[in-house]
Every structure is written in C-alpha cells, then in structure tokens.
Amino acid sequence: MKPKYLRLIPSKILFHSLVILLVSCSYGLFAQDAVSSGAFITEPPTLLNLGFEWKSH
C-alpha cells in the first residue's frame, strides 16, 4: 500500500515535475565564461603563512 501523500499525486504529474526541476537546475552547468586555475605554488609553512598561493594567468 502506498503512503497517503503518494496516493494524492498522480505519477505523471510527479514525473513531469521532476523533469522540469532537473532541466531548470541544469542550466547553471553550461556557463559561458570558463575558469582556469593558474599555477599553484607551495612553500614551507611558517607560523603566519600556510605556504601556498595561486598565480593567475
């Protein structure tokens, strides 16, 4: 026996709602501007500094 909340929502409506939700959330995955990490430089850590930095292009 299905739980009460699932009996109230027909499966077609639930399926279409999930598809719309997934499609609308996937637009952020296709960004127009790419990001590159650059150089990651490590040095011995000190008391004031952990000893790493990023150098951008």
PDB file of N, CA and C in Angstrom:
ATOM      1  N   MET A   1       0.844  -1.183   0.000  1.00  0.00           N
ATOM      2  CA  MET A   1       0.000   0.000   0.000  1.00  0.00           C
ATOM      3  C   MET A   1       0.888   1.244   0.000  1.00  0.00           C
ATOM      4  N   LYS A   2       0.548   2.196  -0.861  1.00  0.00           N
ATOM      5  CA  LYS A   2       1.314   3.430  -0.966  1.00  0.00           C
ATOM      6  C   LYS A   2       1.002   4.351   0.203  1.00  0.00           C
ATOM      7  N   PRO A   3       1.991   5.160   0.600  1.00  0.00           N
ATOM      8  CA  PRO A   3       1.707   6.166   1.626  1.00  0.00           C
ATOM      9  C   PRO A   3       0.659   7.164   1.130  1.00  0.00           C
ATOM     10  N   LYS A   4       0.003   7.814   2.054  1.00  0.00           N
ATOM     11  CA  LYS A   4      -1.095   8.704   1.716  1.00  0.00           C
ATOM     12  C   LYS A   4      -0.667   9.851   0.798  1.00  0.00           C
ATOM     13  N   TYR A   5       0.537  10.410   1.019  1.00  0.00           N
ATOM     14  CA  TYR A   5       0.968  11.550   0.204  1.00  0.00           C
ATOM     15  C   TYR A   5       1.246  11.134  -1.240  1.00  0.00           C
ATOM     16  N   LEU A   6       1.618   9.881  -1.493  1.00  0.00           N
ATOM     17  CA  LEU A   6       1.838   9.429  -2.861  1.00  0.00           C
ATOM     18  C   LEU A   6       0.536   9.105  -3.578  1.00  0.00           C
ATOM     19  N   ARG A   7      -0.483   8.731  -2.849  1.00  0.00           N
ATOM     20  CA  ARG A   7      -1.767   8.445  -3.479  1.00  0.00           C
ATOM     21  C   ARG A   7      -2.429   9.715  -3.987  1.00  0.00           C
ATOM     22  N   LEU A   8      -2.093  10.865  -3.412  1.00  0.00           N
ATOM     23  CA  LEU A   8      -2.727  12.111  -3.804  1.00  0.00           C
ATOM     24  C   LEU A   8      -2.132  12.681  -5.087  1.00  0.00           C
ATOM     25  N   ILE A   9      -0.868  12.356  -5.388  1.00  0.00           N
ATOM     26  CA  ILE A   9      -0.195  12.906  -6.557  1.00  0.00           C
ATOM     27  C   ILE A   9      -0.109  11.825  -7.627  1.00  0.00           C
ATOM     28  N   PRO A  10      -0.760  12.020  -8.765  1.00  0.00           N
ATOM     29  CA  PRO A  10      -0.638  11.035  -9.842  1.00  0.00           C
ATOM     30  C   PRO A  10       0.811  10.945 -10.328  1.00  0.00           C
ATOM     31  N   SER A  11       1.203   9.785 -10.767  1.00  0.00           N
ATOM     32  CA  SER A  11       2.605   9.563 -11.121  1.00  0.00           C
ATOM     33  C   SER A  11       3.040  10.404 -12.323  1.00  0.00           C
ATOM     34  N   LYS A  12       2.141  10.699 -13.263  1.00  0.00           N
ATOM     35  CA  LYS A  12       2.514  11.527 -14.412  1.00  0.00           C
ATOM     36  C   LYS A  12       2.896  12.940 -13.969  1.00  0.00           C
ATOM     37  N   ILE A  13       2.134  13.505 -13.079  1.00  0.00           N
ATOM     38  CA  ILE A  13       2.415  14.857 -12.593  1.00  0.00           C
ATOM     39  C   ILE A  13       3.734  14.868 -11.826  1.00  0.00           C
ATOM     40  N   LEU A  14       3.963  13.847 -11.023  1.00  0.00           N
ATOM     41  CA  LEU A  14       5.208  13.751 -10.273  1.00  0.00           C
ATOM     42  C   LEU A  14       6.400  13.620 -11.215  1.00  0.00           C
ATOM     43  N   PHE A  15       6.286  12.807 -12.238  1.00  0.00           N
ATOM     44  CA  PHE A  15       7.365  12.623 -13.206  1.00  0.00           C
ATOM     45  C   PHE A  15       7.668  13.918 -13.947  1.00  0.00           C
ATOM     46  N   HIS A  16       6.642  14.594 -14.434  1.00  0.00           N
ATOM     47  CA  HIS A  16       6.842  15.843 -15.165  1.00  0.00           C
ATOM     48  C   HIS A  16       7.428  16.932 -14.265  1.00  0.00           C
ATOM     49  N   SER A  17       7.020  16.967 -13.035  1.00  0.00           N
ATOM     50  CA  SER A  17       7.573  17.950 -12.099  1.00  0.00           C
ATOM     51  C   SER A  17       9.060  17.703 -11.868  1.00  0.00           C
ATOM     52  N   LEU A  18       9.445  16.449 -11.732  1.00  0.00           N
ATOM     53  CA  LEU A  18      10.856  16.128 -11.540  1.00  0.00           C
ATOM     54  C   LEU A  18      11.681  16.465 -12.776  1.00  0.00           C
ATOM     55  N   VAL A  19      11.143  16.219 -13.958  1.00  0.00           N
ATOM     56  CA  VAL A  19      11.850  16.540 -15.202  1.00  0.00           C
ATOM     57  C   VAL A  19      12.053  18.047 -15.313  1.00  0.00           C
ATOM     58  N   ILE A  20      11.023  18.817 -15.037  1.00  0.00           N
ATOM     59  CA  ILE A  20      11.122  20.277 -15.110  1.00  0.00           C
ATOM     60  C   ILE A  20      12.135  20.784 -14.086  1.00  0.00           C
ATOM     61  N   LEU A  21      12.144  20.222 -12.902  1.00  0.00           N
ATOM     62  CA  LEU A  21      13.087  20.624 -11.870  1.00  0.00           C
ATOM     63  C   LEU A  21      14.522  20.320 -12.299  1.00  0.00           C
ATOM     64  N   LEU A  22      14.779  19.141 -12.830  1.00  0.00           N
ATOM     65  CA  LEU A  22      16.126  18.774 -13.253  1.00  0.00           C
ATOM     66  C   LEU A  22      16.605  19.617 -14.425  1.00  0.00           C
ATOM     67  N   VAL A  23      15.729  19.894 -15.383  1.00  0.00           N
ATOM     68  CA  VAL A  23      16.112  20.707 -16.538  1.00  0.00           C
ATOM     69  C   VAL A  23      16.410  22.138 -16.108  1.00  0.00           C
ATOM     70  N   SER A  24      15.603  22.689 -15.229  1.00  0.00           N
ATOM     71  CA  SER A  24      15.826  24.069 -14.796  1.00  0.00           C
ATOM     72  C   SER A  24      17.091  24.196 -13.953  1.00  0.00           C
ATOM     73  N   CYS A  25      17.462  23.171 -13.219  1.00  0.00           N
ATOM     74  CA  CYS A  25      18.683  23.216 -12.414  1.00  0.00           C
ATOM     75  C   CYS A  25      19.933  22.986 -13.251  1.00  0.00           C
ATOM     76  N   SER A  26      19.801  22.389 -14.414  1.00  0.00           N
ATOM     77  CA  SER A  26      20.981  22.058 -15.213  1.00  0.00           C
ATOM     78  C   SER A  26      21.499  23.251 -16.020  1.00  0.00           C
ATOM     79  N   TYR A  27      20.772  24.351 -16.113  1.00  0.00           N
ATOM     80  CA  TYR A  27      21.235  25.498 -16.889  1.00  0.00           C
ATOM     81  C   TYR A  27      22.498  26.111 -16.298  1.00  0.00           C
ATOM     82  N   GLY A  28      22.708  26.017 -15.009  1.00  0.00           N
ATOM     83  CA  GLY A  28      23.905  26.543 -14.388  1.00  0.00           C
ATOM     84  C   GLY A  28      25.160  25.765 -14.746  1.00  0.00           C
ATOM     85  N   LEU A  29      25.018  24.561 -15.245  1.00  0.00           N
ATOM     86  CA  LEU A  29      26.173  23.745 -15.603  1.00  0.00           C
ATOM     87  C   LEU A  29      26.830  24.202 -16.895  1.00  0.00           C
ATOM     88  N   PHE A  30      26.121  24.972 -17.706  1.00  0.00           N
ATOM     89  CA  PHE A  30      26.625  25.397 -19.002  1.00  0.00           C
ATOM     90  C   PHE A  30      26.996  26.879 -18.963  1.00  0.00           C
ATOM     91  N   ALA A  31      28.014  27.213 -18.183  1.00  0.00           N
ATOM     92  CA  ALA A  31      28.430  28.607 -18.045  1.00  0.00           C
ATOM     93  C   ALA A  31      29.137  29.079 -19.307  1.00  0.00           C
ATOM     94  N   GLN A  32      29.005  30.348 -19.617  1.00  0.00           N
ATOM     95  CA  GLN A  32      29.614  30.920 -20.805  1.00  0.00           C
ATOM     96  C   GLN A  32      31.082  31.283 -20.588  1.00  0.00           C
ATOM     97  N   ASP A  33      31.465  31.616 -19.372  1.00  0.00           N
ATOM     98  CA  ASP A  33      32.844  32.002 -19.102  1.00  0.00           C
ATOM     99  C   ASP A  33      33.561  30.881 -18.345  1.00  0.00           C
ATOM    100  N   ALA A  34      34.630  30.393 -18.922  1.00  0.00           N
ATOM    101  CA  ALA A  34      35.373  29.296 -18.314  1.00  0.00           C
ATOM    102  C   ALA A  34      36.345  29.834 -17.265  1.00  0.00           C
ATOM    103  N   VAL A  35      36.704  28.999 -16.319  1.00  0.00           N
ATOM    104  CA  VAL A  35      37.628  29.367 -15.262  1.00  0.00           C
ATOM    105  C   VAL A  35      38.846  28.458 -15.353  1.00  0.00           C
ATOM    106  N   SER A  36      40.023  29.053 -15.291  1.00  0.00           N
ATOM    107  CA  SER A  36      41.243  28.246 -15.246  1.00  0.00           C
ATOM    108  C   SER A  36      41.951  28.516 -13.928  1.00  0.00           C
ATOM    109  N   SER A  37      42.601  27.513 -13.400  1.00  0.00           N
ATOM    110  CA  SER A  37      43.159  27.624 -12.057  1.00  0.00           C
ATOM    111  C   SER A  37      44.481  28.372 -11.992  1.00  0.00           C
ATOM    112  N   GLY A  38      45.288  28.357 -13.027  1.00  0.00           N
ATOM    113  CA  GLY A  38      46.590  29.003 -12.971  1.00  0.00           C
ATOM    114  C   GLY A  38      47.597  28.112 -12.268  1.00  0.00           C
ATOM    115  N   ALA A  39      48.685  28.712 -11.785  1.00  0.00           N
ATOM    116  CA  ALA A  39      49.747  27.951 -11.123  1.00  0.00           C
ATOM    117  C   ALA A  39      49.497  27.900  -9.625  1.00  0.00           C
ATOM    118  N   PHE A  40      49.730  26.743  -9.036  1.00  0.00           N
ATOM    119  CA  PHE A  40      49.601  26.566  -7.590  1.00  0.00           C
ATOM    120  C   PHE A  40      51.004  26.399  -7.035  1.00  0.00           C
ATOM    121  N   ILE A  41      51.447  27.365  -6.241  1.00  0.00           N
ATOM    122  CA  ILE A  41      52.817  27.393  -5.735  1.00  0.00           C
ATOM    123  C   ILE A  41      52.798  27.057  -4.249  1.00  0.00           C
ATOM    124  N   THR A  42      53.655  26.113  -3.861  1.00  0.00           N
ATOM    125  CA  THR A  42      53.759  25.743  -2.444  1.00  0.00           C
ATOM    126  C   THR A  42      55.153  26.063  -1.934  1.00  0.00           C
ATOM    127  N   GLU A  43      55.206  26.503  -0.688  1.00  0.00           N
ATOM    128  CA  GLU A  43      56.451  26.795   0.005  1.00  0.00           C
ATOM    129  C   GLU A  43      56.339  26.220   1.411  1.00  0.00           C
ATOM    130  N   PRO A  44      57.421  26.123   2.139  1.00  0.00           N
ATOM    131  CA  PRO A  44      57.330  25.615   3.515  1.00  0.00           C
ATOM    132  C   PRO A  44      56.450  26.535   4.387  1.00  0.00           C
ATOM    133  N   PRO A  45      55.561  25.979   5.190  1.00  0.00           N
ATOM    134  CA  PRO A  45      54.695  26.817   6.029  1.00  0.00           C
ATOM    135  C   PRO A  45      55.465  27.462   7.182  1.00  0.00           C
ATOM    136  N   THR A  46      54.963  28.629   7.620  1.00  0.00           N
ATOM    137  CA  THR A  46      55.514  29.321   8.782  1.00  0.00           C
ATOM    138  C   THR A  46      54.399  29.510   9.803  1.00  0.00           C
ATOM    139  N   LEU A  47      54.669  30.216  10.875  1.00  0.00           N
ATOM    140  CA  LEU A  47      53.634  30.472  11.875  1.00  0.00           C
ATOM    141  C   LEU A  47      52.567  31.439  11.363  1.00  0.00           C
ATOM    142  N   LEU A  48      52.923  32.297  10.417  1.00  0.00           N
ATOM    143  CA  LEU A  48      51.989  33.288   9.899  1.00  0.00           C
ATOM    144  C   LEU A  48      51.410  32.924   8.534  1.00  0.00           C
ATOM    145  N   ASN A  49      51.983  31.945   7.860  1.00  0.00           N
ATOM    146  CA  ASN A  49      51.613  31.657   6.487  1.00  0.00           C
ATOM    147  C   ASN A  49      51.574  30.144   6.286  1.00  0.00           C
ATOM    148  N   LEU A  50      50.567  29.649   5.586  1.00  0.00           N
ATOM    149  CA  LEU A  50      50.483  28.219   5.317  1.00  0.00           C
ATOM    150  C   LEU A  50      51.391  27.781   4.171  1.00  0.00           C
ATOM    151  N   GLY A  51      51.884  28.705   3.374  1.00  0.00           N
ATOM    152  CA  GLY A  51      52.876  28.388   2.360  1.00  0.00           C
ATOM    153  C   GLY A  51      52.332  27.973   1.011  1.00  0.00           C
ATOM    154  N   PHE A  52      51.196  28.508   0.598  1.00  0.00           N
ATOM    155  CA  PHE A  52      50.711  28.236  -0.750  1.00  0.00           C
ATOM    156  C   PHE A  52      50.037  29.473  -1.318  1.00  0.00           C
ATOM    157  N   GLU A  53      50.011  29.569  -2.635  1.00  0.00           N
ATOM    158  CA  GLU A  53      49.346  30.683  -3.324  1.00  0.00           C
ATOM    159  C   GLU A  53      48.984  30.254  -4.724  1.00  0.00           C
ATOM    160  N   TRP A  54      47.966  30.911  -5.303  1.00  0.00           N
ATOM    161  CA  TRP A  54      47.603  30.722  -6.705  1.00  0.00           C
ATOM    162  C   TRP A  54      48.173  31.900  -7.488  1.00  0.00           C
ATOM    163  N   LYS A  55      48.713  31.620  -8.613  1.00  0.00           N
ATOM    164  CA  LYS A  55      49.145  32.665  -9.538  1.00  0.00           C
ATOM    165  C   LYS A  55      48.215  32.603 -10.728  1.00  0.00           C
ATOM    166  N   SER A  56      47.485  33.675 -10.989  1.00  0.00           N
ATOM    167  CA  SER A  56      46.581  33.698 -12.138  1.00  0.00           C
ATOM    168  C   SER A  56      47.352  34.061 -13.395  1.00  0.00           C
ATOM    169  N   HIS A  57      46.774  33.751 -14.520  1.00  0.00           N
ATOM    170  CA  HIS A  57      47.438  33.963 -15.821  1.00  0.00           C
ATOM    171  C   HIS A  57      47.557  35.415 -16.129  1.00  0.00           C
TER     172      HIS A  57
END
